[in-house]
Amino acid sequence: MAVRTLTIPVRPSRTRWLAARRLLHNRLSVLGLVLVGLIVVAGIGAPYLALHDPAAQTLSDRRALPSSRYLLGADEFGRDILSRILFGSRLALLVGVGSVAIGMTLGMLVGGGAAITGGWPDDVFMRSMDILLAFPYLMLALVVVTVLGPGPVNTTIAVGLWAVPAFARMTRGAVLTVLDQEYVEAARAVGASGVRIAFTHILPNGLPPVLVLATLYMGYAILLESALSFLGLGVQPPTPSWGLMISTGREYLFEAPHVSTFPGLAITLAVLGFNLVGDGLRDALDPKAAALSR
């Protein structure tokens, strides 16, 4: 007798639409999207939005206060702060996206491989990640930058390696959770291959928490890049960097506080925006919230 199997249609497009609707109904998430959108627009349109050359020095305008000529004032070399913030957003996004891509890719490979393999490889991989997590995040990045040297590329690599342990542990937990589900066991029972199970069940259902972590780590990466540049181990002058702008302007906090205040405000808004989007994305992709909305 032939056995007929019941197939339950899955509509990923409907799931994505519901998640997007829940995200847009969250006011804080919308605020985060606006802030992130402004940073992206500032980075892409920096050459067109900047009123001055970010590297042009006008010594007669050193530490000039905000005015019609310099909307956010000028720094210690007479350079337009607004223009440098706009170009600095490009660097912040570059380091953020690049480092998160490195951390997420390596972390998913390590965490997913450890969860699927199990046994002693799982113990070796995870204990290695635990050792890296034991180091303070800034110290680990400082070690990597000290070995590789300063610069945007090396800073991106340092921040990306710092993020690997968190992505590895998150991926491992998500994969183990999916592997215990009944639909995975049913797929194995009907003879589905490991590759099919991985791409059909494990990846779609295990990816949402990793994406949420990636969004949150964008803010962390921007903050860490600013910290490294502030210490002189990240981006070097005259490249516009928010952390470097704060570092060079700290000597004039009392006589010209705007030199450091506006770059610090840019970092604050960037980190806040990505954190709000990450929190909203976490709530939007919550299966319980999805079930209640149907």
C-alpha atoms as a PDB file:
ATOM      1  CA  MET A   1       0.000   0.000   0.000  1.00  0.00           C
ATOM      2  CA  ALA A   2       1.355   3.405  -0.928  1.00  0.00           C
ATOM      3  CA  VAL A   3       1.734   5.830   1.941  1.00  0.00           C
ATOM      4  CA  ARG A   4       0.568   9.337   1.215  1.00  0.00           C
ATOM      5  CA  THR A   5       2.402  12.109   2.978  1.00  0.00           C
ATOM      6  CA  LEU A   6       0.743  15.295   4.048  1.00  0.00           C
ATOM      7  CA  THR A   7       2.598  18.389   2.946  1.00  0.00           C
ATOM      8  CA  ILE A   8       1.966  21.609   4.804  1.00  0.00           C
ATOM      9  CA  PRO A   9       2.634  24.568   2.555  1.00  0.00           C
ATOM     10  CA  VAL A  10       5.039  27.123   3.972  1.00  0.00           C
ATOM     11  CA  ARG A  11       4.820  30.686   2.770  1.00  0.00           C
ATOM     12  CA  PRO A  12       8.058  32.460   3.596  1.00  0.00           C
ATOM     13  CA  SER A  13       6.848  35.634   1.909  1.00  0.00           C
ATOM     14  CA  ARG A  14       3.892  35.871   4.317  1.00  0.00           C
ATOM     15  CA  THR A  15       6.187  35.315   7.295  1.00  0.00           C
ATOM     16  CA  ARG A  16       8.539  38.033   6.112  1.00  0.00           C
ATOM     17  CA  TRP A  17       5.626  40.382   5.503  1.00  0.00           C
ATOM     18  CA  LEU A  18       4.265  39.833   9.010  1.00  0.00           C
ATOM     19  CA  ALA A  19       7.720  40.418  10.502  1.00  0.00           C
ATOM     20  CA  ALA A  20       8.106  43.652   8.504  1.00  0.00           C
ATOM     21  CA  ARG A  21       4.663  44.814   9.622  1.00  0.00           C
ATOM     22  CA  ARG A  22       5.447  44.179  13.281  1.00  0.00           C
ATOM     23  CA  LEU A  23       8.775  45.985  12.868  1.00  0.00           C
ATOM     24  CA  LEU A  24       7.136  49.055  11.354  1.00  0.00           C
ATOM     25  CA  HIS A  25       4.442  49.120  14.041  1.00  0.00           C
ATOM     26  CA  ASN A  26       7.106  49.497  16.717  1.00  0.00           C
ATOM     27  CA  ARG A  27       7.748  53.208  17.213  1.00  0.00           C
ATOM     28  CA  LEU A  28      11.207  52.728  18.663  1.00  0.00           C
ATOM     29  CA  SER A  29      12.141  50.497  15.747  1.00  0.00           C
ATOM     30  CA  VAL A  30      10.951  53.146  13.305  1.00  0.00           C
ATOM     31  CA  LEU A  31      13.072  55.706  15.143  1.00  0.00           C
ATOM     32  CA  GLY A  32      16.047  53.368  14.853  1.00  0.00           C
ATOM     33  CA  LEU A  33      15.394  52.878  11.143  1.00  0.00           C
ATOM     34  CA  VAL A  34      15.285  56.649  10.667  1.00  0.00           C
ATOM     35  CA  LEU A  35      18.590  57.115  12.483  1.00  0.00           C
ATOM     36  CA  VAL A  36      20.266  54.300  10.546  1.00  0.00           C
ATOM     37  CA  GLY A  37      18.813  55.671   7.313  1.00  0.00           C
ATOM     38  CA  LEU A  38      20.246  59.107   8.049  1.00  0.00           C
ATOM     39  CA  ILE A  39      23.691  57.602   8.663  1.00  0.00           C
ATOM     40  CA  VAL A  40      23.520  55.620   5.426  1.00  0.00           C
ATOM     41  CA  VAL A  41      22.402  58.701   3.476  1.00  0.00           C
ATOM     42  CA  ALA A  42      25.173  60.750   5.089  1.00  0.00           C
ATOM     43  CA  GLY A  43      27.772  58.136   4.166  1.00  0.00           C
ATOM     44  CA  ILE A  44      26.623  57.668   0.580  1.00  0.00           C
ATOM     45  CA  GLY A  45      25.969  61.341  -0.075  1.00  0.00           C
ATOM     46  CA  ALA A  46      28.960  62.748   1.829  1.00  0.00           C
ATOM     47  CA  PRO A  47      30.680  64.127  -1.321  1.00  0.00           C
ATOM     48  CA  TYR A  48      27.458  65.969  -2.246  1.00  0.00           C
ATOM     49  CA  LEU A  49      26.247  66.990   1.218  1.00  0.00           C
ATOM     50  CA  ALA A  50      29.572  68.280   2.575  1.00  0.00           C
ATOM     51  CA  LEU A  51      29.912  72.037   2.258  1.00  0.00           C
ATOM     52  CA  HIS A  52      33.703  71.983   2.558  1.00  0.00           C
ATOM     53  CA  ASP A  53      36.615  69.694   1.865  1.00  0.00           C
ATOM     54  CA  PRO A  54      36.979  67.593   5.053  1.00  0.00           C
ATOM     55  CA  ALA A  55      40.782  67.830   4.844  1.00  0.00           C
ATOM     56  CA  ALA A  56      41.024  71.522   3.930  1.00  0.00           C
ATOM     57  CA  GLN A  57      42.651  73.559   6.704  1.00  0.00           C
ATOM     58  CA  THR A  58      41.923  77.211   7.394  1.00  0.00           C
ATOM     59  CA  LEU A  59      44.127  78.159  10.306  1.00  0.00           C
ATOM     60  CA  SER A  60      42.450  81.534  10.703  1.00  0.00           C
ATOM     61  CA  ASP A  61      39.184  79.679  11.539  1.00  0.00           C
ATOM     62  CA  ARG A  62      40.638  77.358  14.158  1.00  0.00           C
ATOM     63  CA  ARG A  63      38.018  76.228  16.681  1.00  0.00           C
ATOM     64  CA  ALA A  64      35.440  78.528  15.106  1.00  0.00           C
ATOM     65  CA  LEU A  65      31.999  78.327  16.704  1.00  0.00           C
ATOM     66  CA  PRO A  66      28.968  77.088  14.742  1.00  0.00           C
ATOM     67  CA  SER A  67      27.875  79.701  12.230  1.00  0.00           C
ATOM     68  CA  SER A  68      26.458  80.081   8.736  1.00  0.00           C
ATOM     69  CA  ARG A  69      29.916  79.288   7.322  1.00  0.00           C
ATOM     70  CA  TYR A  70      30.549  76.261   9.550  1.00  0.00           C
ATOM     71  CA  LEU A  71      27.210  74.828  10.651  1.00  0.00           C
ATOM     72  CA  LEU A  72      28.799  72.718  13.401  1.00  0.00           C
ATOM     73  CA  GLY A  73      31.909  74.823  13.829  1.00  0.00           C
ATOM     74  CA  ALA A  74      35.529  74.132  12.899  1.00  0.00           C
ATOM     75  CA  ASP A  75      38.130  71.926  14.583  1.00  0.00           C
ATOM     76  CA  GLU A  76      41.620  72.748  15.860  1.00  0.00           C
ATOM     77  CA  PHE A  77      42.940  73.012  12.279  1.00  0.00           C
ATOM     78  CA  GLY A  78      40.052  75.037  10.902  1.00  0.00           C
ATOM     79  CA  ARG A  79      38.424  72.061   9.184  1.00  0.00           C
ATOM     80  CA  ASP A  80      34.645  71.909   8.866  1.00  0.00           C
ATOM     81  CA  ILE A  81      33.317  69.534  11.539  1.00  0.00           C
ATOM     82  CA  LEU A  82      30.086  68.759   9.674  1.00  0.00           C
ATOM     83  CA  SER A  83      31.970  67.688   6.554  1.00  0.00           C
ATOM     84  CA  ARG A  84      34.284  65.493   8.604  1.00  0.00           C
ATOM     85  CA  ILE A  85      31.326  63.891  10.397  1.00  0.00           C
ATOM     86  CA  LEU A  86      29.671  63.144   7.056  1.00  0.00           C
ATOM     87  CA  PHE A  87      32.807  61.505   5.671  1.00  0.00           C
ATOM     88  CA  GLY A  88      33.404  59.807   9.013  1.00  0.00           C
ATOM     89  CA  SER A  89      30.042  58.050   8.678  1.00  0.00           C
ATOM     90  CA  ARG A  90      31.391  56.278   5.582  1.00  0.00           C
ATOM     91  CA  LEU A  91      34.248  54.863   7.609  1.00  0.00           C
ATOM     92  CA  ALA A  92      31.915  53.889  10.465  1.00  0.00           C
ATOM     93  CA  LEU A  93      29.606  52.007   8.091  1.00  0.00           C
ATOM     94  CA  LEU A  94      32.540  50.389   6.279  1.00  0.00           C
ATOM     95  CA  VAL A  95      34.077  49.083   9.494  1.00  0.00           C
ATOM     96  CA  GLY A  96      30.674  48.099  10.880  1.00  0.00           C
ATOM     97  CA  VAL A  97      29.506  46.147   7.840  1.00  0.00           C
ATOM     98  CA  GLY A  98      32.920  44.612   7.132  1.00  0.00           C
ATOM     99  CA  SER A  99      33.576  43.514  10.710  1.00  0.00           C
ATOM    100  CA  VAL A 100      30.073  42.089  11.165  1.00  0.00           C
ATOM    101  CA  ALA A 101      30.444  40.190   7.882  1.00  0.00           C
ATOM    102  CA  ILE A 102      33.747  38.707   9.088  1.00  0.00           C
ATOM    103  CA  GLY A 103      32.416  37.848  12.540  1.00  0.00           C
ATOM    104  CA  MET A 104      29.132  36.412  11.276  1.00  0.00           C
ATOM    105  CA  THR A 105      30.733  34.313   8.524  1.00  0.00           C
ATOM    106  CA  LEU A 106      33.431  32.798  10.724  1.00  0.00           C
ATOM    107  CA  GLY A 107      31.077  32.474  13.678  1.00  0.00           C
ATOM    108  CA  MET A 108      28.415  30.654  11.661  1.00  0.00           C
ATOM    109  CA  LEU A 109      30.995  28.272  10.240  1.00  0.00           C
ATOM    110  CA  VAL A 110      32.459  27.502  13.665  1.00  0.00           C
ATOM    111  CA  GLY A 111      29.178  27.390  15.583  1.00  0.00           C
ATOM    112  CA  GLY A 112      27.194  25.562  12.918  1.00  0.00           C
ATOM    113  CA  GLY A 113      29.970  23.039  12.314  1.00  0.00           C
ATOM    114  CA  ALA A 114      30.342  22.405  16.053  1.00  0.00           C
ATOM    115  CA  ALA A 115      26.597  21.883  16.534  1.00  0.00           C
ATOM    116  CA  ILE A 116      26.202  19.530  13.571  1.00  0.00           C
ATOM    117  CA  THR A 117      29.401  17.569  14.223  1.00  0.00           C
ATOM    118  CA  GLY A 118      29.096  17.237  17.991  1.00  0.00           C
ATOM    119  CA  GLY A 119      31.505  15.191  20.085  1.00  0.00           C
ATOM    120  CA  TRP A 120      35.080  16.342  20.615  1.00  0.00           C
ATOM    121  CA  PRO A 121      35.085  18.858  17.720  1.00  0.00           C
ATOM    122  CA  ASP A 122      32.197  20.629  19.423  1.00  0.00           C
ATOM    123  CA  ASP A 123      34.128  20.745  22.700  1.00  0.00           C
ATOM    124  CA  VAL A 124      37.308  22.011  21.039  1.00  0.00           C
ATOM    125  CA  PHE A 125      35.579  24.740  19.036  1.00  0.00           C
ATOM    126  CA  MET A 126      33.413  25.997  21.883  1.00  0.00           C
ATOM    127  CA  ARG A 127      36.167  25.942  24.490  1.00  0.00           C
ATOM    128  CA  SER A 128      38.295  27.983  22.084  1.00  0.00           C
ATOM    129  CA  MET A 129      35.467  30.501  21.788  1.00  0.00           C
ATOM    130  CA  ASP A 130      35.142  30.581  25.589  1.00  0.00           C
ATOM    131  CA  ILE A 131      38.832  31.468  25.874  1.00  0.00           C
ATOM    132  CA  LEU A 132      38.364  34.376  23.459  1.00  0.00           C
ATOM    133  CA  LEU A 133      35.258  35.521  25.344  1.00  0.00           C
ATOM    134  CA  ALA A 134      37.272  35.587  28.563  1.00  0.00           C
ATOM    135  CA  PHE A 135      39.339  38.487  27.210  1.00  0.00           C
ATOM    136  CA  PRO A 136      37.874  41.996  27.577  1.00  0.00           C
ATOM    137  CA  TYR A 137      36.577  43.020  24.153  1.00  0.00           C
ATOM    138  CA  LEU A 138      38.788  46.092  23.894  1.00  0.00           C
ATOM    139  CA  MET A 139      41.920  44.185  24.947  1.00  0.00           C
ATOM    140  CA  LEU A 140      41.335  41.530  22.279  1.00  0.00           C
ATOM    141  CA  ALA A 141      40.924  44.189  19.591  1.00  0.00           C
ATOM    142  CA  LEU A 142      44.006  46.024  20.853  1.00  0.00           C
ATOM    143  CA  VAL A 143      46.103  42.865  20.554  1.00  0.00           C
ATOM    144  CA  VAL A 144      44.954  42.244  16.974  1.00  0.00           C
ATOM    145  CA  VAL A 145      45.522  45.871  15.911  1.00  0.00           C
ATOM    146  CA  THR A 146      48.926  45.920  17.588  1.00  0.00           C
ATOM    147  CA  VAL A 147      49.968  42.834  15.633  1.00  0.00           C
ATOM    148  CA  LEU A 148      48.492  43.920  12.286  1.00  0.00           C
ATOM    149  CA  GLY A 149      49.103  47.654  12.614  1.00  0.00           C
ATOM    150  CA  PRO A 150      46.710  50.625  12.432  1.00  0.00           C
ATOM    151  CA  GLY A 151      44.504  51.393   9.460  1.00  0.00           C
ATOM    152  CA  PRO A 152      40.890  50.944   8.301  1.00  0.00           C
ATOM    153  CA  VAL A 153      41.372  47.400   6.953  1.00  0.00           C
ATOM    154  CA  ASN A 154      43.228  46.126  10.005  1.00  0.00           C
ATOM    155  CA  THR A 155      40.696  47.802  12.287  1.00  0.00           C
ATOM    156  CA  THR A 156      37.888  46.019  10.445  1.00  0.00           C
ATOM    157  CA  ILE A 157      39.675  42.687  10.817  1.00  0.00           C
ATOM    158  CA  ALA A 158      40.307  43.300  14.535  1.00  0.00           C
ATOM    159  CA  VAL A 159      36.673  44.193  15.233  1.00  0.00           C
ATOM    160  CA  GLY A 160      35.487  41.243  13.122  1.00  0.00           C
ATOM    161  CA  LEU A 161      37.633  38.733  15.013  1.00  0.00           C
ATOM    162  CA  TRP A 162      36.332  40.161  18.276  1.00  0.00           C
ATOM    163  CA  ALA A 163      32.762  39.346  17.164  1.00  0.00           C
ATOM    164  CA  VAL A 164      33.443  35.720  16.128  1.00  0.00           C
ATOM    165  CA  PRO A 165      32.890  34.073  19.572  1.00  0.00           C
ATOM    166  CA  ALA A 166      29.474  35.700  20.071  1.00  0.00           C
ATOM    167  CA  PHE A 167      28.263  34.675  16.614  1.00  0.00           C
ATOM    168  CA  ALA A 168      29.642  31.160  17.092  1.00  0.00           C
ATOM    169  CA  ARG A 169      27.776  30.631  20.349  1.00  0.00           C
ATOM    170  CA  MET A 170      24.577  32.144  18.985  1.00  0.00           C
ATOM    171  CA  THR A 171      24.735  29.989  15.845  1.00  0.00           C
ATOM    172  CA  ARG A 172      25.466  26.840  17.819  1.00  0.00           C
ATOM    173  CA  GLY A 173      22.503  27.427  20.124  1.00  0.00           C
ATOM    174  CA  ALA A 174      20.160  28.181  17.219  1.00  0.00           C
ATOM    175  CA  VAL A 175      21.256  25.111  15.250  1.00  0.00           C
ATOM    176  CA  LEU A 176      20.921  22.797  18.259  1.00  0.00           C
ATOM    177  CA  THR A 177      17.423  24.149  18.869  1.00  0.00           C
ATOM    178  CA  VAL A 178      16.406  23.480  15.270  1.00  0.00           C
ATOM    179  CA  LEU A 179      17.953  20.004  15.245  1.00  0.00           C
ATOM    180  CA  ASP A 180      15.701  19.001  18.147  1.00  0.00           C
ATOM    181  CA  GLN A 181      12.524  19.976  16.312  1.00  0.00           C
ATOM    182  CA  GLU A 182      10.115  17.315  15.059  1.00  0.00           C
ATOM    183  CA  TYR A 183      10.105  18.566  11.481  1.00  0.00           C
ATOM    184  CA  VAL A 184      13.849  17.908  11.233  1.00  0.00           C
ATOM    185  CA  GLU A 185      13.371  14.371  12.537  1.00  0.00           C
ATOM    186  CA  ALA A 186      10.519  13.904  10.051  1.00  0.00           C
ATOM    187  CA  ALA A 187      12.759  15.091   7.214  1.00  0.00           C
ATOM    188  CA  ARG A 188      15.407  12.581   8.232  1.00  0.00           C
ATOM    189  CA  ALA A 189      12.791   9.824   8.436  1.00  0.00           C
ATOM    190  CA  VAL A 190      11.663  10.371   4.845  1.00  0.00           C
ATOM    191  CA  GLY A 191      15.287  10.238   3.661  1.00  0.00           C
ATOM    192  CA  ALA A 192      16.122  13.907   3.148  1.00  0.00           C
ATOM    193  CA  SER A 193      19.833  14.511   2.682  1.00  0.00           C
ATOM    194  CA  GLY A 194      21.902  16.496   5.152  1.00  0.00           C
ATOM    195  CA  VAL A 195      22.407  19.298   2.634  1.00  0.00           C
ATOM    196  CA  ARG A 196      18.659  19.562   2.029  1.00  0.00           C
ATOM    197  CA  ILE A 197      17.932  19.627   5.751  1.00  0.00           C
ATOM    198  CA  ALA A 198      20.589  22.285   6.276  1.00  0.00           C
ATOM    199  CA  PHE A 199      19.287  24.656   3.592  1.00  0.00           C
ATOM    200  CA  THR A 200      15.573  23.890   3.977  1.00  0.00           C
ATOM    201  CA  HIS A 201      15.185  23.730   7.746  1.00  0.00           C
ATOM    202  CA  ILE A 202      18.308  24.662   9.694  1.00  0.00           C
ATOM    203  CA  LEU A 203      19.367  27.808   7.840  1.00  0.00           C
ATOM    204  CA  PRO A 204      15.926  29.496   7.506  1.00  0.00           C
ATOM    205  CA  ASN A 205      14.943  28.764  11.115  1.00  0.00           C
ATOM    206  CA  GLY A 206      18.347  29.351  12.701  1.00  0.00           C
ATOM    207  CA  LEU A 207      19.239  32.543  10.846  1.00  0.00           C
ATOM    208  CA  PRO A 208      16.824  35.064  12.486  1.00  0.00           C
ATOM    209  CA  PRO A 209      18.611  35.231  15.886  1.00  0.00           C
ATOM    210  CA  VAL A 210      21.948  35.569  14.080  1.00  0.00           C
ATOM    211  CA  LEU A 211      20.573  38.478  12.033  1.00  0.00           C
ATOM    212  CA  VAL A 212      19.368  40.170  15.199  1.00  0.00           C
ATOM    213  CA  LEU A 213      22.819  39.779  16.736  1.00  0.00           C
ATOM    214  CA  ALA A 214      24.398  41.154  13.552  1.00  0.00           C
ATOM    215  CA  THR A 215      22.241  44.284  13.763  1.00  0.00           C
ATOM    216  CA  LEU A 216      23.164  44.842  17.399  1.00  0.00           C
ATOM    217  CA  TYR A 217      26.845  44.235  16.699  1.00  0.00           C
ATOM    218  CA  MET A 218      26.837  46.936  14.033  1.00  0.00           C
ATOM    219  CA  GLY A 219      26.490  49.471  16.835  1.00  0.00           C
ATOM    220  CA  TYR A 220      29.129  47.702  18.924  1.00  0.00           C
ATOM    221  CA  ALA A 221      31.513  47.661  15.959  1.00  0.00           C
ATOM    222  CA  ILE A 222      31.115  51.397  15.368  1.00  0.00           C
ATOM    223  CA  LEU A 223      31.725  52.038  19.063  1.00  0.00           C
ATOM    224  CA  LEU A 224      34.804  49.799  19.139  1.00  0.00           C
ATOM    225  CA  GLU A 225      36.249  51.405  15.996  1.00  0.00           C
ATOM    226  CA  SER A 226      35.788  54.803  17.602  1.00  0.00           C
ATOM    227  CA  ALA A 227      37.525  53.578  20.764  1.00  0.00           C
ATOM    228  CA  LEU A 228      40.501  52.256  18.796  1.00  0.00           C
ATOM    229  CA  SER A 229      40.776  55.480  16.808  1.00  0.00           C
ATOM    230  CA  PHE A 230      40.490  57.481  20.019  1.00  0.00           C
ATOM    231  CA  LEU A 231      43.489  55.572  21.396  1.00  0.00           C
ATOM    232  CA  GLY A 232      45.463  56.182  18.197  1.00  0.00           C
ATOM    233  CA  LEU A 233      45.415  52.508  17.126  1.00  0.00           C
ATOM    234  CA  GLY A 234      42.655  52.710  14.555  1.00  0.00           C
ATOM    235  CA  VAL A 235      42.318  55.072  11.631  1.00  0.00           C
ATOM    236  CA  GLN A 236      45.181  57.538  11.318  1.00  0.00           C
ATOM    237  CA  PRO A 237      45.011  61.271  10.459  1.00  0.00           C
ATOM    238  CA  PRO A 238      43.940  62.951   8.269  1.00  0.00           C
ATOM    239  CA  THR A 239      41.221  60.354   7.556  1.00  0.00           C
ATOM    240  CA  PRO A 240      37.950  61.539   9.161  1.00  0.00           C
ATOM    241  CA  SER A 241      37.000  59.273  12.061  1.00  0.00           C
ATOM    242  CA  TRP A 242      34.529  60.077  14.813  1.00  0.00           C
ATOM    243  CA  GLY A 243      36.725  58.583  17.524  1.00  0.00           C
ATOM    244  CA  LEU A 244      39.802  60.377  16.237  1.00  0.00           C
ATOM    245  CA  MET A 245      37.899  63.674  16.140  1.00  0.00           C
ATOM    246  CA  ILE A 246      36.974  63.258  19.802  1.00  0.00           C
ATOM    247  CA  SER A 247      40.567  62.412  20.684  1.00  0.00           C
ATOM    248  CA  THR A 248      42.071  65.445  18.973  1.00  0.00           C
ATOM    249  CA  GLY A 249      39.405  67.769  20.338  1.00  0.00           C
ATOM    250  CA  ARG A 250      39.593  66.700  23.983  1.00  0.00           C
ATOM    251  CA  GLU A 251      42.356  69.252  24.599  1.00  0.00           C
ATOM    252  CA  TYR A 252      39.873  72.037  23.893  1.00  0.00           C
ATOM    253  CA  LEU A 253      36.874  70.792  25.870  1.00  0.00           C
ATOM    254  CA  PHE A 254      36.576  73.984  27.920  1.00  0.00           C
ATOM    255  CA  GLU A 255      37.306  76.608  25.268  1.00  0.00           C
ATOM    256  CA  ALA A 256      35.754  74.792  22.262  1.00  0.00           C
ATOM    257  CA  PRO A 257      33.556  71.899  23.440  1.00  0.00           C
ATOM    258  CA  HIS A 258      31.856  71.600  20.042  1.00  0.00           C
ATOM    259  CA  VAL A 259      35.008  70.052  18.527  1.00  0.00           C
ATOM    260  CA  SER A 260      34.426  66.822  20.481  1.00  0.00           C
ATOM    261  CA  THR A 261      30.727  67.107  21.283  1.00  0.00           C
ATOM    262  CA  PHE A 262      29.327  66.757  17.765  1.00  0.00           C
ATOM    263  CA  PRO A 263      31.399  63.663  16.799  1.00  0.00           C
ATOM    264  CA  GLY A 264      30.412  62.108  20.145  1.00  0.00           C
ATOM    265  CA  LEU A 265      26.776  62.843  19.369  1.00  0.00           C
ATOM    266  CA  ALA A 266      27.169  61.142  15.976  1.00  0.00           C
ATOM    267  CA  ILE A 267      28.508  57.990  17.671  1.00  0.00           C
ATOM    268  CA  THR A 268      25.647  58.068  20.175  1.00  0.00           C
ATOM    269  CA  LEU A 269      22.973  58.341  17.490  1.00  0.00           C
ATOM    270  CA  ALA A 270      24.565  55.612  15.377  1.00  0.00           C
ATOM    271  CA  VAL A 271      24.801  53.123  18.248  1.00  0.00           C
ATOM    272  CA  LEU A 272      21.296  54.025  19.439  1.00  0.00           C
ATOM    273  CA  GLY A 273      19.857  53.558  15.959  1.00  0.00           C
ATOM    274  CA  PHE A 274      21.306  50.088  15.424  1.00  0.00           C
ATOM    275  CA  ASN A 275      20.332  48.999  18.947  1.00  0.00           C
ATOM    276  CA  LEU A 276      16.742  50.110  18.421  1.00  0.00           C
ATOM    277  CA  VAL A 277      16.563  48.315  15.079  1.00  0.00           C
ATOM    278  CA  GLY A 278      18.077  45.188  16.623  1.00  0.00           C
ATOM    279  CA  ASP A 279      15.583  45.170  19.478  1.00  0.00           C
ATOM    280  CA  GLY A 280      12.693  45.712  17.098  1.00  0.00           C
ATOM    281  CA  LEU A 281      13.930  43.007  14.745  1.00  0.00           C
ATOM    282  CA  ARG A 282      14.201  40.591  17.671  1.00  0.00           C
ATOM    283  CA  ASP A 283      10.574  41.236  18.613  1.00  0.00           C
ATOM    284  CA  ALA A 284       9.401  41.077  14.999  1.00  0.00           C
ATOM    285  CA  LEU A 285      11.039  37.703  14.387  1.00  0.00           C
ATOM    286  CA  ASP A 286       9.788  36.214  17.671  1.00  0.00           C
ATOM    287  CA  PRO A 287       7.735  33.098  16.775  1.00  0.00           C
ATOM    288  CA  LYS A 288       5.403  33.694  19.749  1.00  0.00           C
ATOM    289  CA  ALA A 289       4.645  37.198  18.540  1.00  0.00           C
ATOM    290  CA  ALA A 290       4.067  35.819  15.056  1.00  0.00           C
ATOM    291  CA  ALA A 291       1.606  33.223  16.372  1.00  0.00           C
ATOM    292  CA  LEU A 292      -0.334  35.807  18.362  1.00  0.00           C
ATOM    293  CA  SER A 293      -0.673  38.121  15.366  1.00  0.00           C
ATOM    294  CA  ARG A 294      -2.358  35.515  13.165  1.00  0.00           C
END
